[in-house]
Amino acid sequence: MLLGLFSIVTLLADRLHQQETLLVNTTAWYQKEKPTFRAAMAAVRKLLWQKFDSSTSTKQAKMVNIPKPLLHHLKHMLAHAA
């Protein structure tokens, strides 16, 4: 099962990398040429959350408005947290 999840994440990340939506995180002291599995996981999480966000119902009883820049920042931080 774990190998299957790894394969799915890898295939989705490859597709995102071909579409140039998978960013390679670099640091000042280490330049990376290819995305790491951690970056791939984060990109796939963001993709799934984005798909889930657009498909959820707007008829929810309690809703809080969050500015889009803050929402994107929170999604980015949460995607890399796990």
C-alpha atoms as a PDB file:
ATOM      1  CA  MET A   1       0.000   0.000   0.000  1.00  0.00           C
ATOM      2  CA  LEU A   2       2.803   2.384   0.872  1.00  0.00           C
ATOM      3  CA  LEU A   3       4.532   1.721  -2.434  1.00  0.00           C
ATOM      4  CA  GLY A   4       1.256   2.448  -4.219  1.00  0.00           C
ATOM      5  CA  LEU A   5       0.907   5.809  -2.462  1.00  0.00           C
ATOM      6  CA  PHE A   6       4.527   6.615  -3.283  1.00  0.00           C
ATOM      7  CA  SER A   7       3.865   5.804  -6.946  1.00  0.00           C
ATOM      8  CA  ILE A   8       0.714   7.947  -7.094  1.00  0.00           C
ATOM      9  CA  VAL A   9       2.481  10.919  -5.497  1.00  0.00           C
ATOM     10  CA  THR A  10       5.444  10.487  -7.840  1.00  0.00           C
ATOM     11  CA  LEU A  11       3.238  10.352 -10.947  1.00  0.00           C
ATOM     12  CA  LEU A  12       1.181  13.379  -9.895  1.00  0.00           C
ATOM     13  CA  ALA A  13       4.327  15.315  -8.999  1.00  0.00           C
ATOM     14  CA  ASP A  14       5.874  14.473 -12.368  1.00  0.00           C
ATOM     15  CA  ARG A  15       2.799  15.836 -14.122  1.00  0.00           C
ATOM     16  CA  LEU A  16       2.946  19.006 -11.999  1.00  0.00           C
ATOM     17  CA  HIS A  17       6.667  19.342 -12.762  1.00  0.00           C
ATOM     18  CA  GLN A  18       5.967  19.078 -16.510  1.00  0.00           C
ATOM     19  CA  GLN A  19       3.334  21.810 -16.148  1.00  0.00           C
ATOM     20  CA  GLU A  20       5.928  23.877 -14.249  1.00  0.00           C
ATOM     21  CA  THR A  21       3.689  24.179 -11.170  1.00  0.00           C
ATOM     22  CA  LEU A  22       6.002  22.130  -8.952  1.00  0.00           C
ATOM     23  CA  LEU A  23       8.606  24.479  -7.558  1.00  0.00           C
ATOM     24  CA  VAL A  24      12.039  23.363  -6.437  1.00  0.00           C
ATOM     25  CA  ASN A  25      12.845  24.701  -2.972  1.00  0.00           C
ATOM     26  CA  THR A  26      16.404  25.929  -2.806  1.00  0.00           C
ATOM     27  CA  THR A  27      18.485  27.459  -0.076  1.00  0.00           C
ATOM     28  CA  ALA A  28      21.373  29.892  -0.174  1.00  0.00           C
ATOM     29  CA  TRP A  29      23.899  27.154   0.530  1.00  0.00           C
ATOM     30  CA  TYR A  30      22.422  24.284  -1.527  1.00  0.00           C
ATOM     31  CA  GLN A  31      21.006  24.606  -5.019  1.00  0.00           C
ATOM     32  CA  LYS A  32      18.718  21.736  -6.031  1.00  0.00           C
ATOM     33  CA  GLU A  33      18.107  20.829  -9.647  1.00  0.00           C
ATOM     34  CA  LYS A  34      15.185  18.461  -9.101  1.00  0.00           C
ATOM     35  CA  PRO A  35      12.351  18.570  -6.563  1.00  0.00           C
ATOM     36  CA  THR A  36      12.634  16.386  -3.480  1.00  0.00           C
ATOM     37  CA  PHE A  37       9.950  13.933  -2.425  1.00  0.00           C
ATOM     38  CA  ARG A  38       9.010  16.373   0.347  1.00  0.00           C
ATOM     39  CA  ALA A  39       8.375  19.089  -2.272  1.00  0.00           C
ATOM     40  CA  ALA A  40       6.417  16.595  -4.354  1.00  0.00           C
ATOM     41  CA  MET A  41       4.229  15.658  -1.369  1.00  0.00           C
ATOM     42  CA  ALA A  42       3.577  19.326  -0.623  1.00  0.00           C
ATOM     43  CA  ALA A  43       2.617  20.040  -4.240  1.00  0.00           C
ATOM     44  CA  VAL A  44       0.246  17.062  -4.363  1.00  0.00           C
ATOM     45  CA  ARG A  45      -1.340  18.120  -1.053  1.00  0.00           C
ATOM     46  CA  LYS A  46      -1.886  21.634  -2.421  1.00  0.00           C
ATOM     47  CA  LEU A  47      -3.431  20.194  -5.591  1.00  0.00           C
ATOM     48  CA  LEU A  48      -5.794  17.955  -3.631  1.00  0.00           C
ATOM     49  CA  TRP A  49      -6.782  20.777  -1.278  1.00  0.00           C
ATOM     50  CA  GLN A  50      -7.414  23.056  -4.244  1.00  0.00           C
ATOM     51  CA  LYS A  51      -9.647  20.432  -5.883  1.00  0.00           C
ATOM     52  CA  PHE A  52     -11.457  19.831  -2.587  1.00  0.00           C
ATOM     53  CA  ASP A  53     -11.864  23.581  -2.047  1.00  0.00           C
ATOM     54  CA  SER A  54     -13.541  24.116  -5.400  1.00  0.00           C
ATOM     55  CA  SER A  55     -15.878  21.141  -5.022  1.00  0.00           C
ATOM     56  CA  THR A  56     -17.182  21.825  -1.503  1.00  0.00           C
ATOM     57  CA  SER A  57     -20.656  23.164  -1.069  1.00  0.00           C
ATOM     58  CA  THR A  58     -21.213  26.848  -0.378  1.00  0.00           C
ATOM     59  CA  LYS A  59     -24.258  26.043   1.774  1.00  0.00           C
ATOM     60  CA  GLN A  60     -22.237  25.643   4.945  1.00  0.00           C
ATOM     61  CA  ALA A  61     -23.896  27.033   8.070  1.00  0.00           C
ATOM     62  CA  LYS A  62     -20.808  28.703   9.531  1.00  0.00           C
ATOM     63  CA  MET A  63     -18.336  30.432   7.277  1.00  0.00           C
ATOM     64  CA  VAL A  64     -15.427  32.764   7.935  1.00  0.00           C
ATOM     65  CA  ASN A  65     -13.968  34.973   5.233  1.00  0.00           C
ATOM     66  CA  ILE A  66     -10.198  34.728   4.995  1.00  0.00           C
ATOM     67  CA  PRO A  67      -8.222  36.985   2.643  1.00  0.00           C
ATOM     68  CA  LYS A  68      -6.860  34.996  -0.319  1.00  0.00           C
ATOM     69  CA  PRO A  69      -3.181  35.836   0.314  1.00  0.00           C
ATOM     70  CA  LEU A  70      -3.486  34.557   3.879  1.00  0.00           C
ATOM     71  CA  LEU A  71      -5.311  31.426   2.732  1.00  0.00           C
ATOM     72  CA  HIS A  72      -2.615  30.662   0.139  1.00  0.00           C
ATOM     73  CA  HIS A  73       0.105  31.220   2.742  1.00  0.00           C
ATOM     74  CA  LEU A  74      -1.623  28.897   5.224  1.00  0.00           C
ATOM     75  CA  LYS A  75      -2.032  26.200   2.561  1.00  0.00           C
ATOM     76  CA  HIS A  76       1.641  26.511   1.664  1.00  0.00           C
ATOM     77  CA  MET A  77       2.754  26.228   5.293  1.00  0.00           C
ATOM     78  CA  LEU A  78       0.428  23.312   6.043  1.00  0.00           C
ATOM     79  CA  ALA A  79       1.481  21.426   2.932  1.00  0.00           C
ATOM     80  CA  HIS A  80       5.104  21.485   4.069  1.00  0.00           C
ATOM     81  CA  ALA A  81       4.342  20.794   7.736  1.00  0.00           C
ATOM     82  CA  ALA A  82       3.478  17.112   7.524  1.00  0.00           C
END
